Amino acid sequence: MGSPMKWKLADAKNRFSELFTQALTEGPQHIQRRGQAVVVVAEEEYLRLAGERPGFKDYLMDGPELDDLDLERDRSPMRSVSL
């Protein structure tokens, strides 16, 4: 894959089918409008780049062991504050 083909937004809208095909066959397609840009990539390429990420539950379940964590509340008296 070479560098992304650059499209103006109007051209991308008018030739969307071609843009779509090129994203699948030639690689990322760069679309620009007034200094802002997006890149269209094939789903397969996106998944390769993003990688598989664990769900939130899996993230929590695979986290560090907390068995030795002391969660006991400090029972010492609070300091005196004048308001």
PDB file of N, CA and C in Angstrom:
ATOM      1  N   MET A   1       0.831  -1.184   0.000  1.00  0.00           N
ATOM      2  CA  MET A   1       0.000   0.000   0.000  1.00  0.00           C
ATOM      3  C   MET A   1       0.871   1.241   0.000  1.00  0.00           C
ATOM      4  N   GLY A   2       0.558   2.148  -0.880  1.00  0.00           N
ATOM      5  CA  GLY A   2       1.291   3.405  -0.927  1.00  0.00           C
ATOM      6  C   GLY A   2       0.636   4.426  -0.027  1.00  0.00           C
ATOM      7  N   SER A   3       0.934   5.683  -0.311  1.00  0.00           N
ATOM      8  CA  SER A   3       0.311   6.743   0.481  1.00  0.00           C
ATOM      9  C   SER A   3      -1.148   6.895   0.074  1.00  0.00           C
ATOM     10  N   PRO A   4      -1.984   7.408   0.983  1.00  0.00           N
ATOM     11  CA  PRO A   4      -3.419   7.520   0.683  1.00  0.00           C
ATOM     12  C   PRO A   4      -3.685   8.456  -0.488  1.00  0.00           C
ATOM     13  N   MET A   5      -4.685   8.112  -1.298  1.00  0.00           N
ATOM     14  CA  MET A   5      -5.112   9.011  -2.364  1.00  0.00           C
ATOM     15  C   MET A   5      -5.862  10.161  -1.700  1.00  0.00           C
ATOM     16  N   LYS A   6      -5.647  11.381  -2.186  1.00  0.00           N
ATOM     17  CA  LYS A   6      -6.290  12.547  -1.596  1.00  0.00           C
ATOM     18  C   LYS A   6      -7.493  12.967  -2.432  1.00  0.00           C
ATOM     19  N   TRP A   7      -8.600  13.197  -1.744  1.00  0.00           N
ATOM     20  CA  TRP A   7      -9.850  13.601  -2.370  1.00  0.00           C
ATOM     21  C   TRP A   7     -10.329  14.917  -1.759  1.00  0.00           C
ATOM     22  N   LYS A   8     -10.931  15.755  -2.574  1.00  0.00           N
ATOM     23  CA  LYS A   8     -11.695  16.884  -2.051  1.00  0.00           C
ATOM     24  C   LYS A   8     -13.059  16.319  -1.692  1.00  0.00           C
ATOM     25  N   LEU A   9     -13.710  16.885  -0.690  1.00  0.00           N
ATOM     26  CA  LEU A   9     -14.989  16.354  -0.223  1.00  0.00           C
ATOM     27  C   LEU A   9     -16.009  16.264  -1.351  1.00  0.00           C
ATOM     28  N   ALA A  10     -16.125  17.299  -2.171  1.00  0.00           N
ATOM     29  CA  ALA A  10     -17.105  17.287  -3.264  1.00  0.00           C
ATOM     30  C   ALA A  10     -16.837  16.130  -4.225  1.00  0.00           C
ATOM     31  N   ASP A  11     -15.564  15.896  -4.556  1.00  0.00           N
ATOM     32  CA  ASP A  11     -15.222  14.780  -5.448  1.00  0.00           C
ATOM     33  C   ASP A  11     -15.537  13.441  -4.789  1.00  0.00           C
ATOM     34  N   ALA A  12     -15.246  13.336  -3.495  1.00  0.00           N
ATOM     35  CA  ALA A  12     -15.516  12.092  -2.777  1.00  0.00           C
ATOM     36  C   ALA A  12     -17.016  11.795  -2.768  1.00  0.00           C
ATOM     37  N   LYS A  13     -17.836  12.831  -2.583  1.00  0.00           N
ATOM     38  CA  LYS A  13     -19.292  12.635  -2.598  1.00  0.00           C
ATOM     39  C   LYS A  13     -19.774  12.221  -3.982  1.00  0.00           C
ATOM     40  N   ASN A  14     -19.266  12.870  -5.017  1.00  0.00           N
ATOM     41  CA  ASN A  14     -19.704  12.575  -6.388  1.00  0.00           C
ATOM     42  C   ASN A  14     -19.196  11.232  -6.891  1.00  0.00           C
ATOM     43  N   ARG A  15     -18.080  10.779  -6.355  1.00  0.00           N
ATOM     44  CA  ARG A  15     -17.469   9.532  -6.843  1.00  0.00           C
ATOM     45  C   ARG A  15     -17.300   8.529  -5.699  1.00  0.00           C
ATOM     46  N   PHE A  16     -18.311   8.473  -4.819  1.00  0.00           N
ATOM     47  CA  PHE A  16     -18.208   7.652  -3.621  1.00  0.00           C
ATOM     48  C   PHE A  16     -17.950   6.177  -3.934  1.00  0.00           C
ATOM     49  N   SER A  17     -18.620   5.649  -4.941  1.00  0.00           N
ATOM     50  CA  SER A  17     -18.427   4.241  -5.295  1.00  0.00           C
ATOM     51  C   SER A  17     -16.964   3.973  -5.651  1.00  0.00           C
ATOM     52  N   GLU A  18     -16.360   4.885  -6.384  1.00  0.00           N
ATOM     53  CA  GLU A  18     -14.947   4.742  -6.744  1.00  0.00           C
ATOM     54  C   GLU A  18     -14.062   4.848  -5.495  1.00  0.00           C
ATOM     55  N   LEU A  19     -14.359   5.802  -4.633  1.00  0.00           N
ATOM     56  CA  LEU A  19     -13.614   5.965  -3.383  1.00  0.00           C
ATOM     57  C   LEU A  19     -13.684   4.675  -2.561  1.00  0.00           C
ATOM     58  N   PHE A  20     -14.894   4.123  -2.445  1.00  0.00           N
ATOM     59  CA  PHE A  20     -15.121   2.888  -1.697  1.00  0.00           C
ATOM     60  C   PHE A  20     -14.268   1.752  -2.266  1.00  0.00           C
ATOM     61  N   THR A  21     -14.302   1.578  -3.583  1.00  0.00           N
ATOM     62  CA  THR A  21     -13.542   0.518  -4.245  1.00  0.00           C
ATOM     63  C   THR A  21     -12.049   0.710  -4.031  1.00  0.00           C
ATOM     64  N   GLN A  22     -11.589   1.943  -4.141  1.00  0.00           N
ATOM     65  CA  GLN A  22     -10.156   2.202  -3.949  1.00  0.00           C
ATOM     66  C   GLN A  22      -9.726   1.954  -2.502  1.00  0.00           C
ATOM     67  N   ALA A  23     -10.597   2.252  -1.550  1.00  0.00           N
ATOM     68  CA  ALA A  23     -10.269   1.964  -0.156  1.00  0.00           C
ATOM     69  C   ALA A  23     -10.088   0.458   0.047  1.00  0.00           C
ATOM     70  N   LEU A  24     -10.892  -0.330  -0.647  1.00  0.00           N
ATOM     71  CA  LEU A  24     -10.789  -1.792  -0.539  1.00  0.00           C
ATOM     72  C   LEU A  24      -9.575  -2.347  -1.270  1.00  0.00           C
ATOM     73  N   THR A  25      -9.264  -1.790  -2.440  1.00  0.00           N
ATOM     74  CA  THR A  25      -8.225  -2.382  -3.289  1.00  0.00           C
ATOM     75  C   THR A  25      -6.865  -1.702  -3.203  1.00  0.00           C
ATOM     76  N   GLU A  26      -6.857  -0.386  -2.959  1.00  0.00           N
ATOM     77  CA  GLU A  26      -5.596   0.355  -3.003  1.00  0.00           C
ATOM     78  C   GLU A  26      -5.137   0.867  -1.643  1.00  0.00           C
ATOM     79  N   GLY A  27      -6.040   0.857  -0.670  1.00  0.00           N
ATOM     80  CA  GLY A  27      -5.648   1.318   0.655  1.00  0.00           C
ATOM     81  C   GLY A  27      -6.379   2.582   1.070  1.00  0.00           C
ATOM     82  N   PRO A  28      -5.920   3.205   2.130  1.00  0.00           N
ATOM     83  CA  PRO A  28      -6.602   4.361   2.724  1.00  0.00           C
ATOM     84  C   PRO A  28      -6.847   5.488   1.725  1.00  0.00           C
ATOM     85  N   GLN A  29      -7.979   6.148   1.888  1.00  0.00           N
ATOM     86  CA  GLN A  29      -8.364   7.278   1.050  1.00  0.00           C
ATOM     87  C   GLN A  29      -8.531   8.501   1.953  1.00  0.00           C
ATOM     88  N   HIS A  30      -7.834   9.564   1.634  1.00  0.00           N
ATOM     89  CA  HIS A  30      -7.776  10.783   2.446  1.00  0.00           C
ATOM     90  C   HIS A  30      -8.776  11.788   1.862  1.00  0.00           C
ATOM     91  N   ILE A  31      -9.739  12.245   2.687  1.00  0.00           N
ATOM     92  CA  ILE A  31     -10.757  13.198   2.236  1.00  0.00           C
ATOM     93  C   ILE A  31     -10.607  14.477   3.051  1.00  0.00           C
ATOM     94  N   GLN A  32     -10.511  15.608   2.348  1.00  0.00           N
ATOM     95  CA  GLN A  32     -10.264  16.872   3.042  1.00  0.00           C
ATOM     96  C   GLN A  32     -11.324  17.919   2.699  1.00  0.00           C
ATOM     97  N   ARG A  33     -11.672  18.711   3.747  1.00  0.00           N
ATOM     98  CA  ARG A  33     -12.593  19.837   3.586  1.00  0.00           C
ATOM     99  C   ARG A  33     -12.128  20.954   4.500  1.00  0.00           C
ATOM    100  N   ARG A  34     -11.815  22.088   3.945  1.00  0.00           N
ATOM    101  CA  ARG A  34     -11.413  23.281   4.701  1.00  0.00           C
ATOM    102  C   ARG A  34     -10.414  22.992   5.817  1.00  0.00           C
ATOM    103  N   GLY A  35      -9.371  22.292   5.497  1.00  0.00           N
ATOM    104  CA  GLY A  35      -8.317  22.036   6.474  1.00  0.00           C
ATOM    105  C   GLY A  35      -8.573  20.873   7.422  1.00  0.00           C
ATOM    106  N   GLN A  36      -9.755  20.293   7.392  1.00  0.00           N
ATOM    107  CA  GLN A  36     -10.049  19.115   8.209  1.00  0.00           C
ATOM    108  C   GLN A  36     -10.032  17.892   7.303  1.00  0.00           C
ATOM    109  N   ALA A  37      -9.642  16.776   7.861  1.00  0.00           N
ATOM    110  CA  ALA A  37      -9.520  15.579   7.034  1.00  0.00           C
ATOM    111  C   ALA A  37      -9.989  14.334   7.770  1.00  0.00           C
ATOM    112  N   VAL A  38     -10.439  13.372   6.987  1.00  0.00           N
ATOM    113  CA  VAL A  38     -10.735  12.033   7.480  1.00  0.00           C
ATOM    114  C   VAL A  38     -10.067  11.049   6.536  1.00  0.00           C
ATOM    115  N   VAL A  39      -9.895   9.840   7.005  1.00  0.00           N
ATOM    116  CA  VAL A  39      -9.322   8.786   6.174  1.00  0.00           C
ATOM    117  C   VAL A  39     -10.297   7.627   6.155  1.00  0.00           C
ATOM    118  N   VAL A  40     -10.610   7.152   4.964  1.00  0.00           N
ATOM    119  CA  VAL A  40     -11.489   5.996   4.795  1.00  0.00           C
ATOM    120  C   VAL A  40     -10.601   4.784   4.558  1.00  0.00           C
ATOM    121  N   VAL A  41     -10.786   3.762   5.397  1.00  0.00           N
ATOM    122  CA  VAL A  41     -10.025   2.523   5.243  1.00  0.00           C
ATOM    123  C   VAL A  41     -10.989   1.347   5.189  1.00  0.00           C
ATOM    124  N   ALA A  42     -10.545   0.277   4.576  1.00  0.00           N
ATOM    125  CA  ALA A  42     -11.329  -0.949   4.534  1.00  0.00           C
ATOM    126  C   ALA A  42     -11.464  -1.506   5.947  1.00  0.00           C
ATOM    127  N   GLU A  43     -12.568  -2.179   6.212  1.00  0.00           N
ATOM    128  CA  GLU A  43     -12.816  -2.724   7.553  1.00  0.00           C
ATOM    129  C   GLU A  43     -11.686  -3.648   8.002  1.00  0.00           C
ATOM    130  N   GLU A  44     -11.207  -4.473   7.106  1.00  0.00           N
ATOM    131  CA  GLU A  44     -10.127  -5.403   7.444  1.00  0.00           C
ATOM    132  C   GLU A  44      -8.889  -4.641   7.921  1.00  0.00           C
ATOM    133  N   GLU A  45      -8.557  -3.557   7.235  1.00  0.00           N
ATOM    134  CA  GLU A  45      -7.400  -2.741   7.626  1.00  0.00           C
ATOM    135  C   GLU A  45      -7.649  -2.054   8.965  1.00  0.00           C
ATOM    136  N   TYR A  46      -8.859  -1.556   9.169  1.00  0.00           N
ATOM    137  CA  TYR A  46      -9.211  -0.912  10.435  1.00  0.00           C
ATOM    138  C   TYR A  46      -9.046  -1.896  11.600  1.00  0.00           C
ATOM    139  N   LEU A  47      -9.577  -3.103  11.435  1.00  0.00           N
ATOM    140  CA  LEU A  47      -9.475  -4.104  12.504  1.00  0.00           C
ATOM    141  C   LEU A  47      -8.022  -4.478  12.777  1.00  0.00           C
ATOM    142  N   ARG A  48      -7.218  -4.537  11.724  1.00  0.00           N
ATOM    143  CA  ARG A  48      -5.794  -4.839  11.897  1.00  0.00           C
ATOM    144  C   ARG A  48      -5.113  -3.731  12.694  1.00  0.00           C
ATOM    145  N   LEU A  49      -5.425  -2.475  12.353  1.00  0.00           N
ATOM    146  CA  LEU A  49      -4.796  -1.340  13.032  1.00  0.00           C
ATOM    147  C   LEU A  49      -5.290  -1.181  14.467  1.00  0.00           C
ATOM    148  N   ALA A  50      -6.591  -1.354  14.674  1.00  0.00           N
ATOM    149  CA  ALA A  50      -7.176  -1.141  16.000  1.00  0.00           C
ATOM    150  C   ALA A  50      -6.844  -2.286  16.940  1.00  0.00           C
ATOM    151  N   GLY A  51      -6.680  -3.467  16.404  1.00  0.00           N
ATOM    152  CA  GLY A  51      -6.425  -4.626  17.244  1.00  0.00           C
ATOM    153  C   GLY A  51      -7.672  -4.989  18.029  1.00  0.00           C
ATOM    154  N   GLU A  52      -7.666  -6.173  18.578  1.00  0.00           N
ATOM    155  CA  GLU A  52      -8.815  -6.600  19.374  1.00  0.00           C
ATOM    156  C   GLU A  52      -8.645  -6.077  20.785  1.00  0.00           C
ATOM    157  N   ARG A  53      -9.639  -5.391  21.256  1.00  0.00           N
ATOM    158  CA  ARG A  53      -9.588  -4.828  22.600  1.00  0.00           C
ATOM    159  C   ARG A  53     -10.573  -5.570  23.486  1.00  0.00           C
ATOM    160  N   PRO A  54     -10.166  -5.806  24.719  1.00  0.00           N
ATOM    161  CA  PRO A  54     -11.082  -6.529  25.612  1.00  0.00           C
ATOM    162  C   PRO A  54     -12.274  -5.658  25.979  1.00  0.00           C
ATOM    163  N   GLY A  55     -13.395  -6.309  26.277  1.00  0.00           N
ATOM    164  CA  GLY A  55     -14.558  -5.602  26.776  1.00  0.00           C
ATOM    165  C   GLY A  55     -14.277  -5.088  28.180  1.00  0.00           C
ATOM    166  N   PHE A  56     -15.117  -4.211  28.679  1.00  0.00           N
ATOM    167  CA  PHE A  56     -14.906  -3.608  29.996  1.00  0.00           C
ATOM    168  C   PHE A  56     -14.863  -4.670  31.089  1.00  0.00           C
ATOM    169  N   LYS A  57     -15.780  -5.635  31.013  1.00  0.00           N
ATOM    170  CA  LYS A  57     -15.811  -6.703  32.027  1.00  0.00           C
ATOM    171  C   LYS A  57     -14.499  -7.485  32.009  1.00  0.00           C
ATOM    172  N   ASP A  58     -14.029  -7.852  30.806  1.00  0.00           N
ATOM    173  CA  ASP A  58     -12.770  -8.594  30.695  1.00  0.00           C
ATOM    174  C   ASP A  58     -11.607  -7.762  31.229  1.00  0.00           C
ATOM    175  N   TYR A  59     -11.630  -6.464  30.941  1.00  0.00           N
ATOM    176  CA  TYR A  59     -10.587  -5.560  31.433  1.00  0.00           C
ATOM    177  C   TYR A  59     -10.530  -5.591  32.965  1.00  0.00           C
ATOM    178  N   LEU A  60     -11.709  -5.519  33.596  1.00  0.00           N
ATOM    179  CA  LEU A  60     -11.753  -5.546  35.056  1.00  0.00           C
ATOM    180  C   LEU A  60     -11.356  -6.906  35.619  1.00  0.00           C
ATOM    181  N   MET A  61     -11.839  -7.973  34.984  1.00  0.00           N
ATOM    182  CA  MET A  61     -11.563  -9.321  35.482  1.00  0.00           C
ATOM    183  C   MET A  61     -10.086  -9.690  35.340  1.00  0.00           C
ATOM    184  N   ASP A  62      -9.413  -9.135  34.337  1.00  0.00           N
ATOM    185  CA  ASP A  62      -8.002  -9.448  34.117  1.00  0.00           C
ATOM    186  C   ASP A  62      -7.070  -8.460  34.811  1.00  0.00           C
ATOM    187  N   GLY A  63      -7.624  -7.574  35.611  1.00  0.00           N
ATOM    188  CA  GLY A  63      -6.836  -6.550  36.294  1.00  0.00           C
ATOM    189  C   GLY A  63      -5.994  -7.131  37.414  1.00  0.00           C
ATOM    190  N   PRO A  64      -5.320  -6.263  38.129  1.00  0.00           N
ATOM    191  CA  PRO A  64      -4.435  -6.733  39.205  1.00  0.00           C
ATOM    192  C   PRO A  64      -5.228  -7.345  40.355  1.00  0.00           C
ATOM    193  N   GLU A  65      -4.572  -8.226  41.090  1.00  0.00           N
ATOM    194  CA  GLU A  65      -5.180  -8.818  42.282  1.00  0.00           C
ATOM    195  C   GLU A  65      -5.285  -7.752  43.360  1.00  0.00           C
ATOM    196  N   LEU A  66      -6.410  -7.668  44.010  1.00  0.00           N
ATOM    197  CA  LEU A  66      -6.623  -6.666  45.048  1.00  0.00           C
ATOM    198  C   LEU A  66      -6.763  -7.302  46.432  1.00  0.00           C
ATOM    199  N   ASP A  67      -6.378  -8.569  46.558  1.00  0.00           N
ATOM    200  CA  ASP A  67      -6.531  -9.288  47.824  1.00  0.00           C
ATOM    201  C   ASP A  67      -5.767  -8.623  48.968  1.00  0.00           C
ATOM    202  N   ASP A  68      -4.620  -8.045  48.691  1.00  0.00           N
ATOM    203  CA  ASP A  68      -3.802  -7.432  49.731  1.00  0.00           C
ATOM    204  C   ASP A  68      -4.117  -5.950  49.937  1.00  0.00           C
ATOM    205  N   LEU A  69      -5.108  -5.434  49.251  1.00  0.00           N
ATOM    206  CA  LEU A  69      -5.467  -4.029  49.372  1.00  0.00           C
ATOM    207  C   LEU A  69      -6.207  -3.792  50.679  1.00  0.00           C
ATOM    208  N   ASP A  70      -5.726  -2.852  51.463  1.00  0.00           N
ATOM    209  CA  ASP A  70      -6.341  -2.532  52.748  1.00  0.00           C
ATOM    210  C   ASP A  70      -7.433  -1.495  52.532  1.00  0.00           C
ATOM    211  N   LEU A  71      -8.688  -1.912  52.692  1.00  0.00           N
ATOM    212  CA  LEU A  71      -9.823  -1.014  52.507  1.00  0.00           C
ATOM    213  C   LEU A  71     -10.456  -0.622  53.832  1.00  0.00           C
ATOM    214  N   GLU A  72      -9.755  -0.880  54.915  1.00  0.00           N
ATOM    215  CA  GLU A  72     -10.267  -0.539  56.247  1.00  0.00           C
ATOM    216  C   GLU A  72     -10.287   0.975  56.406  1.00  0.00           C
ATOM    217  N   ARG A  73     -11.389   1.489  56.934  1.00  0.00           N
ATOM    218  CA  ARG A  73     -11.546   2.927  57.136  1.00  0.00           C
ATOM    219  C   ARG A  73     -10.736   3.373  58.349  1.00  0.00           C
ATOM    220  N   ASP A  74     -10.109   4.533  58.227  1.00  0.00           N
ATOM    221  CA  ASP A  74      -9.363   5.114  59.340  1.00  0.00           C
ATOM    222  C   ASP A  74     -10.380   5.590  60.373  1.00  0.00           C
ATOM    223  N   ARG A  75     -10.316   5.020  61.570  1.00  0.00           N
ATOM    224  CA  ARG A  75     -11.289   5.332  62.628  1.00  0.00           C
ATOM    225  C   ARG A  75     -10.791   6.412  63.592  1.00  0.00           C
ATOM    226  N   SER A  76      -9.649   7.026  63.308  1.00  0.00           N
ATOM    227  CA  SER A  76      -9.139   8.062  64.215  1.00  0.00           C
ATOM    228  C   SER A  76     -10.063   9.278  64.162  1.00  0.00           C
ATOM    229  N   PRO A  77     -10.117  10.045  65.266  1.00  0.00           N
ATOM    230  CA  PRO A  77     -11.015  11.211  65.299  1.00  0.00           C
ATOM    231  C   PRO A  77     -10.614  12.235  64.238  1.00  0.00           C
ATOM    232  N   MET A  78     -11.640  12.963  63.752  1.00  0.00           N
ATOM    233  CA  MET A  78     -11.355  13.998  62.768  1.00  0.00           C
ATOM    234  C   MET A  78     -10.775  15.214  63.456  1.00  0.00           C
ATOM    235  N   ARG A  79     -10.099  16.003  62.702  1.00  0.00           N
ATOM    236  CA  ARG A  79      -9.545  17.225  63.278  1.00  0.00           C
ATOM    237  C   ARG A  79     -10.653  18.253  63.464  1.00  0.00           C
ATOM    238  N   SER A  80     -10.448  19.150  64.355  1.00  0.00           N
ATOM    239  CA  SER A  80     -11.429  20.190  64.647  1.00  0.00           C
ATOM    240  C   SER A  80     -11.257  21.330  63.654  1.00  0.00           C
ATOM    241  N   VAL A  81     -12.361  21.783  63.072  1.00  0.00           N
ATOM    242  CA  VAL A  81     -12.325  22.873  62.103  1.00  0.00           C
ATOM    243  C   VAL A  81     -13.318  23.916  62.536  1.00  0.00           C
ATOM    244  N   SER A  82     -12.863  25.171  62.583  1.00  0.00           N
ATOM    245  CA  SER A  82     -13.817  26.237  62.928  1.00  0.00           C
ATOM    246  C   SER A  82     -14.307  26.897  61.651  1.00  0.00           C
ATOM    247  N   LEU A  83     -15.609  27.086  61.574  1.00  0.00           N
ATOM    248  CA  LEU A  83     -16.209  27.667  60.386  1.00  0.00           C
ATOM    249  C   LEU A  83     -16.676  29.070  60.611  1.00  0.00           C
TER     250      LEU A  83
END
